[in-house]
C-alpha atoms as a PDB file:
ATOM      1  CA  UNK A   1      -6.436   1.567  -3.472  1.00  0.00           C
ATOM      2  CA  UNK A   2      -3.612   2.236  -5.897  1.00  0.00           C
ATOM      3  CA  UNK A   3      -2.649  -0.911  -7.806  1.00  0.00           C
ATOM      4  CA  UNK A   4       0.687  -2.581  -7.205  1.00  0.00           C
ATOM      5  CA  UNK A   5       2.681  -2.516 -10.439  1.00  0.00           C
ATOM      6  CA  UNK A   6       4.330  -5.931  -9.959  1.00  0.00           C
ATOM      7  CA  UNK A   7       7.400  -6.130 -12.259  1.00  0.00           C
ATOM      8  CA  UNK A   8       7.167  -2.401 -12.964  1.00  0.00           C
ATOM      9  CA  UNK A   9       7.317  -1.511  -9.264  1.00  0.00           C
ATOM     10  CA  UNK A  10      10.243   0.832  -8.607  1.00  0.00           C
ATOM     11  CA  UNK A  11      11.798  -1.401  -5.946  1.00  0.00           C
ATOM     12  CA  UNK A  12      11.516  -4.460  -8.189  1.00  0.00           C
ATOM     13  CA  UNK A  13      13.159  -2.618 -11.091  1.00  0.00           C
ATOM     14  CA  UNK A  14      15.943  -1.318  -8.830  1.00  0.00           C
ATOM     15  CA  UNK A  15      16.552  -4.782  -7.330  1.00  0.00           C
ATOM     16  CA  UNK A  16      16.688  -6.395 -10.791  1.00  0.00           C
ATOM     17  CA  UNK A  17      19.146  -3.732 -11.975  1.00  0.00           C
ATOM     18  CA  UNK A  18      21.303  -4.131  -8.849  1.00  0.00           C
ATOM     19  CA  UNK A  19      21.304  -7.915  -9.296  1.00  0.00           C
ATOM     20  CA  UNK A  20      22.419  -7.593 -12.938  1.00  0.00           C
ATOM     21  CA  UNK A  21      25.033  -4.966 -12.074  1.00  0.00           C
ATOM     22  CA  UNK A  22      26.536  -7.168  -9.378  1.00  0.00           C
ATOM     23  CA  UNK A  23      26.274 -10.421 -11.328  1.00  0.00           C
ATOM     24  CA  UNK A  24      27.834  -9.235 -14.570  1.00  0.00           C
ATOM     25  CA  UNK A  25      29.984  -6.291 -13.589  1.00  0.00           C
ATOM     26  CA  UNK A  26      30.909  -5.737  -9.950  1.00  0.00           C
ATOM     27  CA  UNK A  27      31.844  -9.345  -9.122  1.00  0.00           C
ATOM     28  CA  UNK A  28      34.312  -9.399 -12.002  1.00  0.00           C
ATOM     29  CA  UNK A  29      35.991  -6.160 -10.862  1.00  0.00           C
ATOM     30  CA  UNK A  30      36.111  -6.598  -7.104  1.00  0.00           C
ATOM     31  CA  UNK A  31      36.600  -9.523  -4.825  1.00  0.00           C
ATOM     32  CA  UNK A  32      35.132 -10.091  -1.438  1.00  0.00           C
ATOM     33  CA  UNK A  33      32.845 -12.648   0.091  1.00  0.00           C
ATOM     34  CA  UNK A  34      29.873 -10.304   0.326  1.00  0.00           C
ATOM     35  CA  UNK A  35      29.733  -9.368  -3.388  1.00  0.00           C
ATOM     36  CA  UNK A  36      30.414 -12.921  -4.487  1.00  0.00           C
ATOM     37  CA  UNK A  37      28.308 -14.800  -1.969  1.00  0.00           C
ATOM     38  CA  UNK A  38      25.550 -12.710  -0.496  1.00  0.00           C
ATOM     39  CA  UNK A  39      24.829  -9.426  -2.290  1.00  0.00           C
ATOM     40  CA  UNK A  40      22.525 -10.983  -4.872  1.00  0.00           C
ATOM     41  CA  UNK A  41      20.715 -12.932  -2.160  1.00  0.00           C
ATOM     42  CA  UNK A  42      19.539  -9.596  -0.737  1.00  0.00           C
ATOM     43  CA  UNK A  43      17.631  -8.989  -3.960  1.00  0.00           C
ATOM     44  CA  UNK A  44      15.670 -12.270  -4.010  1.00  0.00           C
ATOM     45  CA  UNK A  45      12.440 -10.981  -2.449  1.00  0.00           C
ATOM     46  CA  UNK A  46      12.385  -7.448  -3.928  1.00  0.00           C
ATOM     47  CA  UNK A  47      13.288  -8.707  -7.426  1.00  0.00           C
ATOM     48  CA  UNK A  48      11.423 -12.020  -7.651  1.00  0.00           C
ATOM     49  CA  UNK A  49       8.343 -11.700  -5.427  1.00  0.00           C
ATOM     50  CA  UNK A  50       6.550  -9.085  -7.575  1.00  0.00           C
ATOM     51  CA  UNK A  51       6.851 -11.358 -10.631  1.00  0.00           C
ATOM     52  CA  UNK A  52       5.602 -14.382  -8.683  1.00  0.00           C
ATOM     53  CA  UNK A  53       2.656 -12.400  -7.306  1.00  0.00           C
ATOM     54  CA  UNK A  54       1.877 -11.223 -10.841  1.00  0.00           C
ATOM     55  CA  UNK A  55       1.745 -14.888 -11.928  1.00  0.00           C
ATOM     56  CA  UNK A  56      -0.470 -15.686  -8.933  1.00  0.00           C
ATOM     57  CA  UNK A  57      -2.806 -12.868  -9.981  1.00  0.00           C
ATOM     58  CA  UNK A  58      -2.973 -14.124 -13.586  1.00  0.00           C
ATOM     59  CA  UNK A  59      -3.669 -17.675 -12.406  1.00  0.00           C
ATOM     60  CA  UNK A  60      -6.438 -16.481 -10.071  1.00  0.00           C
ATOM     61  CA  UNK A  61      -4.524 -17.303  -6.885  1.00  0.00           C
ATOM     62  CA  UNK A  62      -4.465 -13.646  -5.849  1.00  0.00           C
ATOM     63  CA  UNK A  63      -7.731 -11.688  -5.722  1.00  0.00           C
ATOM     64  CA  UNK A  64      -6.490  -8.129  -6.050  1.00  0.00           C
ATOM     65  CA  UNK A  65      -3.558  -5.916  -6.987  1.00  0.00           C
ATOM     66  CA  UNK A  66      -2.590  -4.728  -3.520  1.00  0.00           C
ATOM     67  CA  UNK A  67       1.025  -4.348  -2.473  1.00  0.00           C
ATOM     68  CA  UNK A  68       2.729  -7.500  -1.141  1.00  0.00           C
ATOM     69  CA  UNK A  69       1.547  -8.213   2.376  1.00  0.00           C
ATOM     70  CA  UNK A  70       3.854  -9.222   5.199  1.00  0.00           C
ATOM     71  CA  UNK A  71       2.321 -12.708   5.158  1.00  0.00           C
ATOM     72  CA  UNK A  72       3.045 -13.110   1.410  1.00  0.00           C
ATOM     73  CA  UNK A  73       6.599 -11.894   1.936  1.00  0.00           C
ATOM     74  CA  UNK A  74       7.155 -14.239   4.889  1.00  0.00           C
ATOM     75  CA  UNK A  75       5.581 -17.235   3.128  1.00  0.00           C
ATOM     76  CA  UNK A  76       7.815 -16.823   0.072  1.00  0.00           C
ATOM     77  CA  UNK A  77      10.879 -16.189   2.242  1.00  0.00           C
ATOM     78  CA  UNK A  78      10.311 -19.507   4.020  1.00  0.00           C
ATOM     79  CA  UNK A  79       9.458 -21.436   0.833  1.00  0.00           C
ATOM     80  CA  UNK A  80      12.447 -20.136  -1.113  1.00  0.00           C
ATOM     81  CA  UNK A  81      14.820 -20.611   1.828  1.00  0.00           C
ATOM     82  CA  UNK A  82      13.791 -24.252   2.129  1.00  0.00           C
ATOM     83  CA  UNK A  83      13.913 -24.755  -1.641  1.00  0.00           C
ATOM     84  CA  UNK A  84      17.304 -23.117  -2.182  1.00  0.00           C
ATOM     85  CA  UNK A  85      19.085 -24.128   1.019  1.00  0.00           C
ATOM     86  CA  UNK A  86      17.597 -27.517   1.940  1.00  0.00           C
ATOM     87  CA  UNK A  87      16.088 -29.133  -1.165  1.00  0.00           C
ATOM     88  CA  UNK A  88      18.345 -27.669  -3.867  1.00  0.00           C
ATOM     89  CA  UNK A  89      21.651 -28.927  -2.445  1.00  0.00           C
ATOM     90  CA  UNK A  90      20.283 -32.492  -2.401  1.00  0.00           C
ATOM     91  CA  UNK A  91      19.595 -32.469  -6.146  1.00  0.00           C
ATOM     92  CA  UNK A  92      22.021 -29.936  -7.630  1.00  0.00           C
ATOM     93  CA  UNK A  93      25.703 -29.213  -7.187  1.00  0.00           C
ATOM     94  CA  UNK A  94      25.175 -26.249  -4.881  1.00  0.00           C
ATOM     95  CA  UNK A  95      26.149 -25.680  -1.279  1.00  0.00           C
ATOM     96  CA  UNK A  96      23.655 -24.894   1.452  1.00  0.00           C
ATOM     97  CA  UNK A  97      24.590 -21.761   3.384  1.00  0.00           C
ATOM     98  CA  UNK A  98      22.643 -20.414   6.333  1.00  0.00           C
ATOM     99  CA  UNK A  99      24.025 -16.937   5.669  1.00  0.00           C
ATOM    100  CA  UNK A 100      22.110 -16.963   2.385  1.00  0.00           C
ATOM    101  CA  UNK A 101      18.903 -17.208   4.422  1.00  0.00           C
ATOM    102  CA  UNK A 102      20.037 -14.248   6.526  1.00  0.00           C
ATOM    103  CA  UNK A 103      20.554 -12.257   3.312  1.00  0.00           C
ATOM    104  CA  UNK A 104      17.147 -13.353   1.949  1.00  0.00           C
ATOM    105  CA  UNK A 105      15.548 -12.254   5.229  1.00  0.00           C
ATOM    106  CA  UNK A 106      17.326  -8.880   5.255  1.00  0.00           C
ATOM    107  CA  UNK A 107      16.120  -8.210   1.721  1.00  0.00           C
ATOM    108  CA  UNK A 108      12.613  -9.349   2.672  1.00  0.00           C
ATOM    109  CA  UNK A 109      12.456  -7.018   5.682  1.00  0.00           C
ATOM    110  CA  UNK A 110      13.726  -4.061   3.636  1.00  0.00           C
ATOM    111  CA  UNK A 111      11.271  -4.795   0.810  1.00  0.00           C
ATOM    112  CA  UNK A 112       8.391  -5.308   3.243  1.00  0.00           C
ATOM    113  CA  UNK A 113       9.142  -2.028   4.939  1.00  0.00           C
ATOM    114  CA  UNK A 114       9.311  -0.244   1.560  1.00  0.00           C
ATOM    115  CA  UNK A 115       6.090  -1.724   0.212  1.00  0.00           C
ATOM    116  CA  UNK A 116       4.174  -1.191   3.443  1.00  0.00           C
ATOM    117  CA  UNK A 117       5.546   2.180   4.541  1.00  0.00           C
ATOM    118  CA  UNK A 118       3.137   4.905   5.535  1.00  0.00           C
ATOM    119  CA  UNK A 119       1.825   6.818   2.570  1.00  0.00           C
ATOM    120  CA  UNK A 120       3.157   4.391  -0.047  1.00  0.00           C
ATOM    121  CA  UNK A 121      -0.352   3.573  -1.198  1.00  0.00           C
ATOM    122  CA  UNK A 122      -3.035   6.120  -0.621  1.00  0.00           C
ATOM    123  CA  UNK A 123      -6.727   5.357  -0.975  1.00  0.00           C
ATOM    124  CA  UNK A 124      -8.449   6.626  -4.069  1.00  0.00           C
ATOM    125  CA  UNK A 125     -12.086   7.205  -4.991  1.00  0.00           C
ATOM    126  CA  UNK A 126     -13.201   7.320  -1.376  1.00  0.00           C
ATOM    127  CA  UNK A 127     -11.823   3.876  -0.473  1.00  0.00           C
ATOM    128  CA  UNK A 128     -10.496   3.235   2.992  1.00  0.00           C
ATOM    129  CA  UNK A 129      -6.895   2.257   3.564  1.00  0.00           C
ATOM    130  CA  UNK A 130      -5.069   0.635   6.433  1.00  0.00           C
ATOM    131  CA  UNK A 131      -3.117   3.896   6.627  1.00  0.00           C
ATOM    132  CA  UNK A 132      -6.083   6.261   6.725  1.00  0.00           C
ATOM    133  CA  UNK A 133      -7.839   7.067   9.946  1.00  0.00           C
ATOM    134  CA  UNK A 134      -6.971   6.107  13.485  1.00  0.00           C
ATOM    135  CA  UNK A 135      -7.183   2.849  15.311  1.00  0.00           C
END
Protein backbone atom coordinates (compact mmCIF):
# COMPACT_ATOMS: atom_id res chain seq x y z
CA UNK A 1 0.00 0.00 0.00
CA UNK A 2 1.20 3.51 -0.75
CA UNK A 3 2.59 5.19 2.36
CA UNK A 4 0.78 8.11 3.94
CA UNK A 5 3.03 11.16 3.81
CA UNK A 6 1.95 12.60 7.18
CA UNK A 7 2.94 16.32 7.29
CA UNK A 8 3.71 16.26 3.56
CA UNK A 9 0.22 15.00 2.68
CA UNK A 10 -1.46 17.40 0.26
CA UNK A 11 -4.52 17.91 2.45
CA UNK A 12 -2.36 18.57 5.51
CA UNK A 13 -0.27 21.13 3.62
CA UNK A 14 -3.39 22.83 2.25
CA UNK A 15 -5.04 22.93 5.70
CA UNK A 16 -1.89 24.39 7.30
CA UNK A 17 -1.69 27.04 4.56
CA UNK A 18 -5.40 27.89 4.91
CA UNK A 19 -5.01 28.15 8.69
CA UNK A 20 -2.04 30.54 8.33
CA UNK A 21 -3.80 32.57 5.63
CA UNK A 22 -6.88 33.02 7.80
CA UNK A 23 -5.00 33.59 11.05
CA UNK A 24 -2.56 36.21 9.82
CA UNK A 25 -4.25 37.76 6.82
CA UNK A 26 -7.97 37.25 6.25
CA UNK A 27 -9.11 37.90 9.83
CA UNK A 28 -7.36 41.27 9.81
CA UNK A 29 -9.02 42.31 6.53
CA UNK A 30 -12.55 41.04 6.97
CA UNK A 31 -14.87 40.72 9.89
CA UNK A 32 -17.47 38.11 10.51
CA UNK A 33 -18.06 35.49 13.13
CA UNK A 34 -17.15 32.58 10.87
CA UNK A 35 -13.64 33.81 9.93
CA UNK A 36 -12.91 34.95 13.46
CA UNK A 37 -14.47 32.10 15.40
CA UNK A 38 -14.79 28.94 13.39
CA UNK A 39 -12.84 28.85 10.13
CA UNK A 40 -9.59 27.72 11.74
CA UNK A 41 -11.45 25.08 13.74
CA UNK A 42 -12.31 23.37 10.45
CA UNK A 43 -8.60 22.79 9.88
CA UNK A 44 -7.85 21.07 13.22
CA UNK A 45 -8.08 17.46 12.02
CA UNK A 46 -6.66 17.87 8.49
CA UNK A 47 -3.76 20.04 9.71
CA UNK A 48 -2.88 18.49 13.07
CA UNK A 49 -3.80 14.79 12.85
CA UNK A 50 -1.12 13.86 10.28
CA UNK A 51 1.59 15.34 12.53
CA UNK A 52 0.23 13.54 15.59
CA UNK A 53 0.06 10.24 13.70
CA UNK A 54 3.64 10.80 12.53
CA UNK A 55 4.67 11.18 16.20
CA UNK A 56 2.71 8.03 17.07
CA UNK A 57 4.58 6.18 14.31
CA UNK A 58 7.97 7.40 15.56
CA UNK A 59 7.11 6.41 19.13
CA UNK A 60 5.99 2.94 18.02
CA UNK A 61 2.31 3.55 18.80
CA UNK A 62 1.35 3.12 15.15
CA UNK A 63 2.47 -0.01 13.28
CA UNK A 64 2.34 1.17 9.69
CA UNK A 65 2.13 4.18 7.39
CA UNK A 66 -1.44 3.75 6.19
CA UNK A 67 -3.75 6.71 5.71
CA UNK A 68 -5.65 7.88 8.82
CA UNK A 69 -8.48 5.49 9.57
CA UNK A 70 -11.96 6.60 10.53
CA UNK A 71 -11.38 5.29 14.05
CA UNK A 72 -8.18 7.37 14.42
CA UNK A 73 -9.98 10.44 13.11
CA UNK A 74 -12.95 9.91 15.45
CA UNK A 75 -10.75 9.19 18.48
CA UNK A 76 -8.74 12.39 18.00
CA UNK A 77 -11.89 14.41 17.29
CA UNK A 78 -13.36 13.30 20.62
CA UNK A 79 -10.10 13.75 22.57
CA UNK A 80 -9.39 17.22 21.18
CA UNK A 81 -13.01 18.33 21.60
CA UNK A 82 -12.94 17.37 25.26
CA UNK A 83 -9.49 18.90 25.75
CA UNK A 84 -10.24 22.20 24.02
CA UNK A 85 -13.88 22.69 24.99
CA UNK A 86 -14.20 21.05 28.42
CA UNK A 87 -10.77 20.85 30.07
CA UNK A 88 -9.10 23.92 28.54
CA UNK A 89 -11.66 26.49 29.71
CA UNK A 90 -11.21 25.30 33.31
CA UNK A 91 -7.48 26.05 33.29
CA UNK A 92 -6.99 28.79 30.69
CA UNK A 93 -8.77 32.02 29.87
CA UNK A 94 -10.69 30.59 26.92
CA UNK A 95 -14.39 30.14 26.34
CA UNK A 96 -15.99 26.78 25.63
CA UNK A 97 -18.11 26.85 22.48
CA UNK A 98 -20.11 23.90 21.19
CA UNK A 99 -19.98 25.34 17.68
CA UNK A 100 -16.22 24.79 17.75
CA UNK A 101 -16.91 21.06 18.09
CA UNK A 102 -19.27 21.25 15.10
CA UNK A 103 -16.46 22.88 13.09
CA UNK A 104 -13.94 20.25 14.28
CA UNK A 105 -16.37 17.52 13.23
CA UNK A 106 -17.04 19.07 9.81
CA UNK A 107 -13.30 19.25 9.16
CA UNK A 108 -12.89 15.67 10.40
CA UNK A 109 -15.60 14.34 8.08
CA UNK A 110 -14.15 16.20 5.09
CA UNK A 111 -10.62 15.00 5.88
CA UNK A 112 -11.81 11.43 6.48
CA UNK A 113 -13.64 11.41 3.19
CA UNK A 114 -10.55 12.78 1.39
CA UNK A 115 -8.11 10.33 2.95
CA UNK A 116 -10.39 7.34 2.48
CA UNK A 117 -11.90 8.11 -0.92
CA UNK A 118 -11.90 5.43 -3.58
CA UNK A 119 -8.64 5.27 -5.46
CA UNK A 120 -6.73 7.55 -3.08
CA UNK A 121 -4.36 4.74 -2.17
CA UNK A 122 -3.88 1.97 -4.64
CA UNK A 123 -2.18 -1.30 -3.77
CA UNK A 124 1.34 -1.78 -5.00
CA UNK A 125 3.56 -4.83 -5.48
CA UNK A 126 0.62 -7.21 -5.56
CA UNK A 127 -0.76 -6.18 -2.15
CA UNK A 128 -4.47 -6.22 -1.54
CA UNK A 129 -6.35 -3.07 -0.66
CA UNK A 130 -9.71 -2.40 0.92
CA UNK A 131 -10.59 -0.75 -2.39
CA UNK A 132 -9.56 -3.60 -4.67
CA UNK A 133 -11.88 -6.45 -5.42
CA UNK A 134 -15.50 -6.94 -4.47
CA UNK A 135 -17.14 -7.73 -1.21
